[in-house]
């Protein structure tokens, strides 16, 4: 019985991790197309996006209501700061202009 519960927990964790990886790949590929990322930028942006999605997932499990939203905004600000250090000025402006589309792409993986 304990083994079954442990296996179920491992499967759920693996599924959440896979969802974060798939989401990070999809969003980063979308950003590569829209922002013309080079290979080096792609890798860095992927890592930023993966970390962001993992923290968003953790936030969703730990926080509720206003605390959840406040933490999500802080996570988005942190992600933006990290992306700003990777992207050129023009790429970052384009990224900011397409934030709504980026959010929609991320939301596809969390429905």
PDB file of N, CA and C in Angstrom:
ATOM      1  N   UNK A   1       0.829  -1.191   0.000  1.00  0.00           N
ATOM      2  CA  UNK A   1       0.000   0.000   0.000  1.00  0.00           C
ATOM      3  C   UNK A   1       0.876   1.259   0.000  1.00  0.00           C
ATOM      4  N   UNK A   2       1.878   1.286   0.865  1.00  0.00           N
ATOM      5  CA  UNK A   2       2.792   2.431   0.923  1.00  0.00           C
ATOM      6  C   UNK A   2       3.566   2.553  -0.390  1.00  0.00           C
ATOM      7  N   UNK A   3       3.957   1.430  -0.960  1.00  0.00           N
ATOM      8  CA  UNK A   3       4.683   1.444  -2.228  1.00  0.00           C
ATOM      9  C   UNK A   3       3.807   2.042  -3.329  1.00  0.00           C
ATOM     10  N   UNK A   4       2.533   1.662  -3.352  1.00  0.00           N
ATOM     11  CA  UNK A   4       1.616   2.189  -4.355  1.00  0.00           C
ATOM     12  C   UNK A   4       1.450   3.700  -4.203  1.00  0.00           C
ATOM     13  N   UNK A   5       1.330   4.166  -2.978  1.00  0.00           N
ATOM     14  CA  UNK A   5       1.194   5.605  -2.725  1.00  0.00           C
ATOM     15  C   UNK A   5       2.458   6.345  -3.148  1.00  0.00           C
ATOM     16  N   UNK A   6       3.614   5.770  -2.863  1.00  0.00           N
ATOM     17  CA  UNK A   6       4.892   6.373  -3.249  1.00  0.00           C
ATOM     18  C   UNK A   6       5.020   6.435  -4.761  1.00  0.00           C
ATOM     19  N   UNK A   7       4.640   5.361  -5.439  1.00  0.00           N
ATOM     20  CA  UNK A   7       4.703   5.337  -6.902  1.00  0.00           C
ATOM     21  C   UNK A   7       3.751   6.370  -7.511  1.00  0.00           C
ATOM     22  N   UNK A   8       2.563   6.490  -6.946  1.00  0.00           N
ATOM     23  CA  UNK A   8       1.600   7.468  -7.431  1.00  0.00           C
ATOM     24  C   UNK A   8       2.142   8.891  -7.264  1.00  0.00           C
ATOM     25  N   UNK A   9       2.754   9.156  -6.126  1.00  0.00           N
ATOM     26  CA  UNK A   9       3.353  10.471  -5.883  1.00  0.00           C
ATOM     27  C   UNK A   9       4.466  10.740  -6.891  1.00  0.00           C
ATOM     28  N   UNK A  10       5.309   9.757  -7.156  1.00  0.00           N
ATOM     29  CA  UNK A  10       6.399   9.913  -8.124  1.00  0.00           C
ATOM     30  C   UNK A  10       5.854  10.182  -9.524  1.00  0.00           C
ATOM     31  N   UNK A  11       4.797   9.467  -9.902  1.00  0.00           N
ATOM     32  CA  UNK A  11       4.183   9.673 -11.219  1.00  0.00           C
ATOM     33  C   UNK A  11       3.609  11.080 -11.315  1.00  0.00           C
ATOM     34  N   UNK A  12       2.927  11.543 -10.260  1.00  0.00           N
ATOM     35  CA  UNK A  12       2.374  12.899 -10.269  1.00  0.00           C
ATOM     36  C   UNK A  12       3.469  13.949 -10.367  1.00  0.00           C
ATOM     37  N   UNK A  13       4.563  13.770  -9.642  1.00  0.00           N
ATOM     38  CA  UNK A  13       5.680  14.715  -9.706  1.00  0.00           C
ATOM     39  C   UNK A  13       6.317  14.707 -11.086  1.00  0.00           C
ATOM     40  N   UNK A  14       6.490  13.512 -11.650  1.00  0.00           N
ATOM     41  CA  UNK A  14       7.080  13.399 -12.981  1.00  0.00           C
ATOM     42  C   UNK A  14       6.178  14.046 -14.025  1.00  0.00           C
ATOM     43  N   UNK A  15       4.873  13.857 -13.884  1.00  0.00           N
ATOM     44  CA  UNK A  15       3.928  14.453 -14.819  1.00  0.00           C
ATOM     45  C   UNK A  15       3.977  15.981 -14.745  1.00  0.00           C
ATOM     46  N   UNK A  16       4.026  16.534 -13.556  1.00  0.00           N
ATOM     47  CA  UNK A  16       4.123  17.989 -13.388  1.00  0.00           C
ATOM     48  C   UNK A  16       5.426  18.505 -13.982  1.00  0.00           C
ATOM     49  N   UNK A  17       6.513  17.782 -13.742  1.00  0.00           N
ATOM     50  CA  UNK A  17       7.812  18.183 -14.286  1.00  0.00           C
ATOM     51  C   UNK A  17       7.788  18.122 -15.810  1.00  0.00           C
ATOM     52  N   UNK A  18       7.193  17.052 -16.368  1.00  0.00           N
ATOM     53  CA  UNK A  18       7.087  16.932 -17.821  1.00  0.00           C
ATOM     54  C   UNK A  18       6.273  18.079 -18.398  1.00  0.00           C
ATOM     55  N   UNK A  19       5.210  18.444 -17.706  1.00  0.00           N
ATOM     56  CA  UNK A  19       4.365  19.549 -18.160  1.00  0.00           C
ATOM     57  C   UNK A  19       5.154  20.859 -18.168  1.00  0.00           C
ATOM     58  N   UNK A  20       5.981  21.069 -17.142  1.00  0.00           N
ATOM     59  CA  UNK A  20       6.821  22.269 -17.095  1.00  0.00           C
ATOM     60  C   UNK A  20       7.838  22.260 -18.223  1.00  0.00           C
ATOM     61  N   UNK A  21       8.438  21.118 -18.481  1.00  0.00           N
ATOM     62  CA  UNK A  21       9.427  21.001 -19.565  1.00  0.00           C
ATOM     63  C   UNK A  21       8.762  21.251 -20.909  1.00  0.00           C
ATOM     64  N   UNK A  22       7.615  20.608 -21.133  1.00  0.00           N
ATOM     65  CA  UNK A  22       6.889  20.809 -22.395  1.00  0.00           C
ATOM     66  C   UNK A  22       6.473  22.265 -22.564  1.00  0.00           C
ATOM     67  N   UNK A  23       5.990  22.871 -21.486  1.00  0.00           N
ATOM     68  CA  UNK A  23       5.589  24.276 -21.538  1.00  0.00           C
ATOM     69  C   UNK A  23       6.762  25.191 -21.839  1.00  0.00           C
ATOM     70  N   UNK A  24       7.896  24.938 -21.186  1.00  0.00           N
ATOM     71  CA  UNK A  24       9.089  25.764 -21.418  1.00  0.00           C
ATOM     72  C   UNK A  24       9.573  25.622 -22.855  1.00  0.00           C
ATOM     73  N   UNK A  25       9.532  24.416 -23.386  1.00  0.00           N
ATOM     74  CA  UNK A  25       9.945  24.202 -24.782  1.00  0.00           C
ATOM     75  C   UNK A  25       9.017  24.949 -25.735  1.00  0.00           C
ATOM     76  N   UNK A  26       7.709  24.833 -25.504  1.00  0.00           N
ATOM     77  CA  UNK A  26       6.743  25.478 -26.397  1.00  0.00           C
ATOM     78  C   UNK A  26       6.867  26.993 -26.359  1.00  0.00           C
ATOM     79  N   UNK A  27       6.936  27.553 -25.157  1.00  0.00           N
ATOM     80  CA  UNK A  27       7.032  29.007 -25.026  1.00  0.00           C
ATOM     81  C   UNK A  27       8.345  29.520 -25.602  1.00  0.00           C
ATOM     82  N   UNK A  28       9.429  28.812 -25.328  1.00  0.00           N
ATOM     83  CA  UNK A  28      10.731  29.249 -25.827  1.00  0.00           C
ATOM     84  C   UNK A  28      10.806  29.134 -27.342  1.00  0.00           C
ATOM     85  N   UNK A  29      10.234  28.082 -27.906  1.00  0.00           N
ATOM     86  CA  UNK A  29      10.199  27.956 -29.374  1.00  0.00           C
ATOM     87  C   UNK A  29       9.392  29.088 -29.994  1.00  0.00           C
ATOM     88  N   UNK A  30       8.267  29.409 -29.360  1.00  0.00           N
ATOM     89  CA  UNK A  30       7.441  30.529 -29.816  1.00  0.00           C
ATOM     90  C   UNK A  30       8.245  31.833 -29.746  1.00  0.00           C
ATOM     91  N   UNK A  31       8.957  32.024 -28.639  1.00  0.00           N
ATOM     92  CA  UNK A  31       9.764  33.231 -28.473  1.00  0.00           C
ATOM     93  C   UNK A  31      10.916  33.263 -29.484  1.00  0.00           C
ATOM     94  N   UNK A  32      11.489  32.093 -29.792  1.00  0.00           N
ATOM     95  CA  UNK A  32      12.578  32.033 -30.774  1.00  0.00           C
ATOM     96  C   UNK A  32      12.085  32.544 -32.121  1.00  0.00           C
ATOM     97  N   UNK A  33      10.891  32.112 -32.480  1.00  0.00           N
ATOM     98  CA  UNK A  33      10.305  32.535 -33.754  1.00  0.00           C
ATOM     99  C   UNK A  33       9.997  34.025 -33.754  1.00  0.00           C
ATOM    100  N   UNK A  34       9.374  34.513 -32.693  1.00  0.00           N
ATOM    101  CA  UNK A  34       8.935  35.908 -32.640  1.00  0.00           C
ATOM    102  C   UNK A  34      10.078  36.894 -32.399  1.00  0.00           C
ATOM    103  N   UNK A  35      11.113  36.441 -31.674  1.00  0.00           N
ATOM    104  CA  UNK A  35      12.200  37.356 -31.287  1.00  0.00           C
ATOM    105  C   UNK A  35      13.506  37.089 -32.027  1.00  0.00           C
ATOM    106  N   UNK A  36      13.505  36.091 -32.892  1.00  0.00           N
ATOM    107  CA  UNK A  36      14.718  35.707 -33.636  1.00  0.00           C
ATOM    108  C   UNK A  36      15.885  35.418 -32.688  1.00  0.00           C
ATOM    109  N   UNK A  37      15.639  34.543 -31.726  1.00  0.00           N
ATOM    110  CA  UNK A  37      16.692  34.183 -30.765  1.00  0.00           C
ATOM    111  C   UNK A  37      17.777  33.390 -31.453  1.00  0.00           C
ATOM    112  N   UNK A  38      19.038  33.650 -31.067  1.00  0.00           N
ATOM    113  CA  UNK A  38      20.116  32.799 -31.542  1.00  0.00           C
ATOM    114  C   UNK A  38      20.197  31.574 -30.620  1.00  0.00           C
ATOM    115  N   UNK A  39      21.075  30.619 -30.940  1.00  0.00           N
ATOM    116  CA  UNK A  39      21.135  29.372 -30.168  1.00  0.00           C
ATOM    117  C   UNK A  39      21.499  29.611 -28.706  1.00  0.00           C
ATOM    118  N   UNK A  40      22.426  30.517 -28.475  1.00  0.00           N
ATOM    119  CA  UNK A  40      22.839  30.827 -27.104  1.00  0.00           C
ATOM    120  C   UNK A  40      21.682  31.439 -26.321  1.00  0.00           C
ATOM    121  N   UNK A  41      20.984  32.376 -26.944  1.00  0.00           N
ATOM    122  CA  UNK A  41      19.833  33.006 -26.296  1.00  0.00           C
ATOM    123  C   UNK A  41      18.734  31.975 -26.041  1.00  0.00           C
ATOM    124  N   UNK A  42      18.518  31.085 -27.006  1.00  0.00           N
ATOM    125  CA  UNK A  42      17.472  30.077 -26.853  1.00  0.00           C
ATOM    126  C   UNK A  42      17.703  29.260 -25.582  1.00  0.00           C
ATOM    127  N   UNK A  43      18.919  28.802 -25.385  1.00  0.00           N
ATOM    128  CA  UNK A  43      19.239  27.990 -24.209  1.00  0.00           C
ATOM    129  C   UNK A  43      18.999  28.776 -22.918  1.00  0.00           C
ATOM    130  N   UNK A  44      19.450  30.016 -22.896  1.00  0.00           N
ATOM    131  CA  UNK A  44      19.271  30.844 -21.700  1.00  0.00           C
ATOM    132  C   UNK A  44      17.794  31.147 -21.447  1.00  0.00           C
ATOM    133  N   UNK A  45      17.057  31.477 -22.497  1.00  0.00           N
ATOM    134  CA  UNK A  45      15.632  31.782 -22.357  1.00  0.00           C
ATOM    135  C   UNK A  45      14.866  30.529 -21.927  1.00  0.00           C
ATOM    136  N   UNK A  46      15.238  29.379 -22.475  1.00  0.00           N
ATOM    137  CA  UNK A  46      14.601  28.121 -22.065  1.00  0.00           C
ATOM    138  C   UNK A  46      14.790  27.900 -20.560  1.00  0.00           C
ATOM    139  N   UNK A  47      15.993  28.095 -20.074  1.00  0.00           N
ATOM    140  CA  UNK A  47      16.263  27.905 -18.640  1.00  0.00           C
ATOM    141  C   UNK A  47      15.466  28.892 -17.782  1.00  0.00           C
ATOM    142  N   UNK A  48      15.365  30.127 -18.233  1.00  0.00           N
ATOM    143  CA  UNK A  48      14.563  31.127 -17.508  1.00  0.00           C
ATOM    144  C   UNK A  48      13.097  30.689 -17.491  1.00  0.00           C
ATOM    145  N   UNK A  49      12.588  30.272 -18.641  1.00  0.00           N
ATOM    146  CA  UNK A  49      11.185  29.857 -18.727  1.00  0.00           C
ATOM    147  C   UNK A  49      10.903  28.606 -17.898  1.00  0.00           C
ATOM    148  N   UNK A  50      11.806  27.640 -17.927  1.00  0.00           N
ATOM    149  CA  UNK A  50      11.605  26.418 -17.144  1.00  0.00           C
ATOM    150  C   UNK A  50      11.579  26.734 -15.652  1.00  0.00           C
ATOM    151  N   UNK A  51      12.522  27.516 -15.196  1.00  0.00           N
ATOM    152  CA  UNK A  51      12.555  27.907 -13.782  1.00  0.00           C
ATOM    153  C   UNK A  51      11.284  28.648 -13.408  1.00  0.00           C
ATOM    154  N   UNK A  52      10.859  29.563 -14.281  1.00  0.00           N
ATOM    155  CA  UNK A  52       9.633  30.322 -14.043  1.00  0.00           C
ATOM    156  C   UNK A  52       8.434  29.387 -13.902  1.00  0.00           C
ATOM    157  N   UNK A  53       8.272  28.456 -14.825  1.00  0.00           N
ATOM    158  CA  UNK A  53       7.118  27.559 -14.792  1.00  0.00           C
ATOM    159  C   UNK A  53       7.147  26.638 -13.573  1.00  0.00           C
ATOM    160  N   UNK A  54       8.329  26.216 -13.177  1.00  0.00           N
ATOM    161  CA  UNK A  54       8.441  25.388 -11.975  1.00  0.00           C
ATOM    162  C   UNK A  54       8.004  26.177 -10.741  1.00  0.00           C
ATOM    163  N   UNK A  55       8.416  27.440 -10.670  1.00  0.00           N
ATOM    164  CA  UNK A  55       8.035  28.285  -9.532  1.00  0.00           C
ATOM    165  C   UNK A  55       6.554  28.626  -9.567  1.00  0.00           C
ATOM    166  N   UNK A  56       5.988  28.820 -10.753  1.00  0.00           N
ATOM    167  CA  UNK A  56       4.555  29.078 -10.884  1.00  0.00           C
ATOM    168  C   UNK A  56       3.776  27.859 -10.395  1.00  0.00           C
ATOM    169  N   UNK A  57       4.219  26.678 -10.779  1.00  0.00           N
ATOM    170  CA  UNK A  57       3.573  25.440 -10.355  1.00  0.00           C
ATOM    171  C   UNK A  57       3.631  25.297  -8.831  1.00  0.00           C
ATOM    172  N   UNK A  58       4.790  25.578  -8.265  1.00  0.00           N
ATOM    173  CA  UNK A  58       4.966  25.519  -6.810  1.00  0.00           C
ATOM    174  C   UNK A  58       4.070  26.548  -6.117  1.00  0.00           C
ATOM    175  N   UNK A  59       4.007  27.753  -6.686  1.00  0.00           N
ATOM    176  CA  UNK A  59       3.163  28.812  -6.137  1.00  0.00           C
ATOM    177  C   UNK A  59       1.694  28.395  -6.140  1.00  0.00           C
ATOM    178  N   UNK A  60       1.256  27.759  -7.206  1.00  0.00           N
ATOM    179  CA  UNK A  60      -0.137  27.337  -7.313  1.00  0.00           C
ATOM    180  C   UNK A  60      -0.500  26.313  -6.241  1.00  0.00           C
ATOM    181  N   UNK A  61       0.463  25.514  -5.848  1.00  0.00           N
ATOM    182  CA  UNK A  61       0.218  24.485  -4.835  1.00  0.00           C
ATOM    183  C   UNK A  61       0.266  25.049  -3.415  1.00  0.00           C
ATOM    184  N   UNK A  62       1.087  26.080  -3.202  1.00  0.00           N
ATOM    185  CA  UNK A  62       1.320  26.585  -1.849  1.00  0.00           C
ATOM    186  C   UNK A  62       0.441  27.768  -1.461  1.00  0.00           C
ATOM    187  N   UNK A  63       0.046  28.584  -2.431  1.00  0.00           N
ATOM    188  CA  UNK A  63      -0.643  29.838  -2.117  1.00  0.00           C
ATOM    189  C   UNK A  63      -2.053  29.859  -2.684  1.00  0.00           C
ATOM    190  N   UNK A  64      -2.868  30.706  -2.089  1.00  0.00           N
ATOM    191  CA  UNK A  64      -4.264  30.864  -2.511  1.00  0.00           C
ATOM    192  C   UNK A  64      -4.604  32.348  -2.615  1.00  0.00           C
ATOM    193  N   UNK A  65      -5.596  32.643  -3.433  1.00  0.00           N
ATOM    194  CA  UNK A  65      -6.156  33.990  -3.509  1.00  0.00           C
ATOM    195  C   UNK A  65      -5.155  35.082  -3.805  1.00  0.00           C
ATOM    196  N   UNK A  66      -5.215  36.135  -3.001  1.00  0.00           N
ATOM    197  CA  UNK A  66      -4.380  37.323  -3.207  1.00  0.00           C
ATOM    198  C   UNK A  66      -2.894  37.005  -3.059  1.00  0.00           C
ATOM    199  N   UNK A  67      -2.551  36.109  -2.139  1.00  0.00           N
ATOM    200  CA  UNK A  67      -1.140  35.735  -1.972  1.00  0.00           C
ATOM    201  C   UNK A  67      -0.601  35.065  -3.231  1.00  0.00           C
ATOM    202  N   UNK A  68      -1.427  34.242  -3.837  1.00  0.00           N
ATOM    203  CA  UNK A  68      -1.040  33.543  -5.061  1.00  0.00           C
ATOM    204  C   UNK A  68      -0.782  34.543  -6.191  1.00  0.00           C
ATOM    205  N   UNK A  69      -1.678  35.503  -6.326  1.00  0.00           N
ATOM    206  CA  UNK A  69      -1.545  36.511  -7.386  1.00  0.00           C
ATOM    207  C   UNK A  69      -0.339  37.406  -7.137  1.00  0.00           C
ATOM    208  N   UNK A  70      -0.150  37.815  -5.894  1.00  0.00           N
ATOM    209  CA  UNK A  70       0.997  38.667  -5.542  1.00  0.00           C
ATOM    210  C   UNK A  70       2.307  37.954  -5.855  1.00  0.00           C
ATOM    211  N   UNK A  71       2.406  36.689  -5.492  1.00  0.00           N
ATOM    212  CA  UNK A  71       3.614  35.906  -5.746  1.00  0.00           C
ATOM    213  C   UNK A  71       3.819  35.709  -7.246  1.00  0.00           C
ATOM    214  N   UNK A  72       2.729  35.486  -7.985  1.00  0.00           N
ATOM    215  CA  UNK A  72       2.825  35.308  -9.430  1.00  0.00           C
ATOM    216  C   UNK A  72       3.383  36.566 -10.095  1.00  0.00           C
ATOM    217  N   UNK A  73       2.918  37.720  -9.643  1.00  0.00           N
ATOM    218  CA  UNK A  73       3.442  38.987 -10.196  1.00  0.00           C
ATOM    219  C   UNK A  73       4.934  39.138  -9.907  1.00  0.00           C
ATOM    220  N   UNK A  74       5.342  38.751  -8.708  1.00  0.00           N
ATOM    221  CA  UNK A  74       6.768  38.816  -8.353  1.00  0.00           C
ATOM    222  C   UNK A  74       7.569  37.848  -9.223  1.00  0.00           C
ATOM    223  N   UNK A  75       7.024  36.670  -9.489  1.00  0.00           N
ATOM    224  CA  UNK A  75       7.699  35.701 -10.350  1.00  0.00           C
ATOM    225  C   UNK A  75       7.812  36.235 -11.776  1.00  0.00           C
ATOM    226  N   UNK A  76       6.760  36.881 -12.258  1.00  0.00           N
ATOM    227  CA  UNK A  76       6.802  37.465 -13.598  1.00  0.00           C
ATOM    228  C   UNK A  76       7.838  38.583 -13.681  1.00  0.00           C
ATOM    229  N   UNK A  77       7.905  39.408 -12.655  1.00  0.00           N
ATOM    230  CA  UNK A  77       8.903  40.486 -12.631  1.00  0.00           C
ATOM    231  C   UNK A  77      10.320  39.920 -12.645  1.00  0.00           C
ATOM    232  N   UNK A  78      10.540  38.855 -11.872  1.00  0.00           N
ATOM    233  CA  UNK A  78      11.855  38.204 -11.834  1.00  0.00           C
ATOM    234  C   UNK A  78      12.199  37.627 -13.204  1.00  0.00           C
ATOM    235  N   UNK A  79      11.227  36.988 -13.835  1.00  0.00           N
ATOM    236  CA  UNK A  79      11.442  36.423 -15.177  1.00  0.00           C
ATOM    237  C   UNK A  79      11.786  37.535 -16.161  1.00  0.00           C
ATOM    238  N   UNK A  80      11.044  38.642 -16.119  1.00  0.00           N
ATOM    239  CA  UNK A  80      11.304  39.760 -17.020  1.00  0.00           C
ATOM    240  C   UNK A  80      12.713  40.313 -16.836  1.00  0.00           C
ATOM    241  N   UNK A  81      13.140  40.433 -15.594  1.00  0.00           N
ATOM    242  CA  UNK A  81      14.495  40.929 -15.313  1.00  0.00           C
ATOM    243  C   UNK A  81      15.543  40.002 -15.907  1.00  0.00           C
ATOM    244  N   UNK A  82      15.345  38.713 -15.736  1.00  0.00           N
ATOM    245  CA  UNK A  82      16.295  37.740 -16.285  1.00  0.00           C
ATOM    246  C   UNK A  82      16.293  37.757 -17.808  1.00  0.00           C
ATOM    247  N   UNK A  83      15.113  37.862 -18.403  1.00  0.00           N
ATOM    248  CA  UNK A  83      15.034  37.908 -19.865  1.00  0.00           C
ATOM    249  C   UNK A  83      15.673  39.176 -20.413  1.00  0.00           C
ATOM    250  N   UNK A  84      15.514  40.270 -19.700  1.00  0.00           N
ATOM    251  CA  UNK A  84      16.104  41.540 -20.147  1.00  0.00           C
ATOM    252  C   UNK A  84      17.621  41.429 -20.255  1.00  0.00           C
ATOM    253  N   UNK A  85      18.235  40.614 -19.385  1.00  0.00           N
ATOM    254  CA  UNK A  85      19.691  40.459 -19.422  1.00  0.00           C
ATOM    255  C   UNK A  85      20.141  39.541 -20.563  1.00  0.00           C
ATOM    256  N   UNK A  86      19.220  38.788 -21.140  1.00  0.00           N
ATOM    257  CA  UNK A  86      19.555  37.853 -22.224  1.00  0.00           C
ATOM    258  C   UNK A  86      19.233  38.453 -23.593  1.00  0.00           C
ATOM    259  N   UNK A  87      18.149  39.187 -23.675  1.00  0.00           N
ATOM    260  CA  UNK A  87      17.669  39.719 -24.951  1.00  0.00           C
ATOM    261  C   UNK A  87      18.302  41.067 -25.288  1.00  0.00           C
ATOM    262  N   UNK A  88      18.348  41.361 -26.578  1.00  0.00           N
ATOM    263  CA  UNK A  88      18.782  42.694 -26.999  1.00  0.00           C
ATOM    264  C   UNK A  88      17.662  43.677 -26.643  1.00  0.00           C
ATOM    265  N   UNK A  89      17.963  44.947 -26.750  1.00  0.00           N
ATOM    266  CA  UNK A  89      16.968  45.972 -26.429  1.00  0.00           C
ATOM    267  C   UNK A  89      15.727  45.836 -27.313  1.00  0.00           C
ATOM    268  N   UNK A  90      15.948  45.627 -28.614  1.00  0.00           N
ATOM    269  CA  UNK A  90      14.810  45.478 -29.535  1.00  0.00           C
ATOM    270  C   UNK A  90      14.027  44.194 -29.255  1.00  0.00           C
ATOM    271  N   UNK A  91      14.734  43.109 -28.970  1.00  0.00           N
ATOM    272  CA  UNK A  91      14.051  41.861 -28.643  1.00  0.00           C
ATOM    273  C   UNK A  91      13.213  42.007 -27.377  1.00  0.00           C
ATOM    274  N   UNK A  92      13.761  42.690 -26.387  1.00  0.00           N
ATOM    275  CA  UNK A  92      13.030  42.859 -25.143  1.00  0.00           C
ATOM    276  C   UNK A  92      11.767  43.706 -25.356  1.00  0.00           C
ATOM    277  N   UNK A  93      11.873  44.765 -26.147  1.00  0.00           N
ATOM    278  CA  UNK A  93      10.703  45.591 -26.452  1.00  0.00           C
ATOM    279  C   UNK A  93       9.625  44.751 -27.142  1.00  0.00           C
ATOM    280  N   UNK A  94      10.055  43.908 -28.069  1.00  0.00           N
ATOM    281  CA  UNK A  94       9.132  43.022 -28.771  1.00  0.00           C
ATOM    282  C   UNK A  94       8.505  42.027 -27.795  1.00  0.00           C
ATOM    283  N   UNK A  95       9.321  41.490 -26.896  1.00  0.00           N
ATOM    284  CA  UNK A  95       8.825  40.560 -25.869  1.00  0.00           C
ATOM    285  C   UNK A  95       7.747  41.229 -25.011  1.00  0.00           C
ATOM    286  N   UNK A  96       8.018  42.435 -24.538  1.00  0.00           N
ATOM    287  CA  UNK A  96       7.058  43.159 -23.704  1.00  0.00           C
ATOM    288  C   UNK A  96       5.765  43.408 -24.489  1.00  0.00           C
ATOM    289  N   UNK A  97       5.910  43.741 -25.769  1.00  0.00           N
ATOM    290  CA  UNK A  97       4.744  43.982 -26.610  1.00  0.00           C
ATOM    291  C   UNK A  97       3.904  42.738 -26.852  1.00  0.00           C
ATOM    292  N   UNK A  98       4.517  41.571 -26.719  1.00  0.00           N
ATOM    293  CA  UNK A  98       3.814  40.304 -26.968  1.00  0.00           C
ATOM    294  C   UNK A  98       3.543  39.516 -25.693  1.00  0.00           C
ATOM    295  N   UNK A  99       3.594  40.163 -24.555  1.00  0.00           N
ATOM    296  CA  UNK A  99       3.406  39.464 -23.278  1.00  0.00           C
ATOM    297  C   UNK A  99       2.073  38.723 -23.208  1.00  0.00           C
ATOM    298  N   UNK A 100       1.029  39.317 -23.716  1.00  0.00           N
ATOM    299  CA  UNK A 100      -0.287  38.670 -23.667  1.00  0.00           C
ATOM    300  C   UNK A 100      -0.263  37.355 -24.447  1.00  0.00           C
ATOM    301  N   UNK A 101       0.375  37.355 -25.592  1.00  0.00           N
ATOM    302  CA  UNK A 101       0.473  36.133 -26.394  1.00  0.00           C
ATOM    303  C   UNK A 101       1.327  35.083 -25.676  1.00  0.00           C
ATOM    304  N   UNK A 102       2.390  35.543 -25.000  1.00  0.00           N
ATOM    305  CA  UNK A 102       3.228  34.613 -24.240  1.00  0.00           C
ATOM    306  C   UNK A 102       2.437  33.966 -23.105  1.00  0.00           C
ATOM    307  N   UNK A 103       1.638  34.772 -22.410  1.00  0.00           N
ATOM    308  CA  UNK A 103       0.809  34.240 -21.319  1.00  0.00           C
ATOM    309  C   UNK A 103      -0.185  33.211 -21.843  1.00  0.00           C
ATOM    310  N   UNK A 104      -0.753  33.503 -23.019  1.00  0.00           N
ATOM    311  CA  UNK A 104      -1.715  32.571 -23.618  1.00  0.00           C
ATOM    312  C   UNK A 104      -1.034  31.248 -23.939  1.00  0.00           C
ATOM    313  N   UNK A 105       0.186  31.321 -24.454  1.00  0.00           N
ATOM    314  CA  UNK A 105       0.937  30.110 -24.792  1.00  0.00           C
ATOM    315  C   UNK A 105       1.210  29.294 -23.528  1.00  0.00           C
ATOM    316  N   UNK A 106       1.595  29.943 -22.453  1.00  0.00           N
ATOM    317  CA  UNK A 106       1.845  29.255 -21.185  1.00  0.00           C
ATOM    318  C   UNK A 106       0.548  28.638 -20.657  1.00  0.00           C
ATOM    319  N   UNK A 107      -0.540  29.380 -20.743  1.00  0.00           N
ATOM    320  CA  UNK A 107      -1.824  28.899 -20.220  1.00  0.00           C
ATOM    321  C   UNK A 107      -2.285  27.624 -20.906  1.00  0.00           C
ATOM    322  N   UNK A 108      -1.903  27.431 -22.162  1.00  0.00           N
ATOM    323  CA  UNK A 108      -2.277  26.216 -22.881  1.00  0.00           C
ATOM    324  C   UNK A 108      -1.798  24.955 -22.165  1.00  0.00           C
ATOM    325  N   UNK A 109      -0.712  25.062 -21.442  1.00  0.00           N
ATOM    326  CA  UNK A 109      -0.131  23.904 -20.765  1.00  0.00           C
ATOM    327  C   UNK A 109      -0.643  23.721 -19.339  1.00  0.00           C
ATOM    328  N   UNK A 110      -1.456  24.649 -18.884  1.00  0.00           N
ATOM    329  CA  UNK A 110      -1.946  24.557 -17.513  1.00  0.00           C
ATOM    330  C   UNK A 110      -3.459  24.510 -17.428  1.00  0.00           C
ATOM    331  N   UNK A 111      -4.085  24.070 -18.483  1.00  0.00           N
ATOM    332  CA  UNK A 111      -5.547  23.909 -18.489  1.00  0.00           C
ATOM    333  C   UNK A 111      -5.903  22.497 -18.166  1.00  0.00           C
TER     334      UNK A 111
END
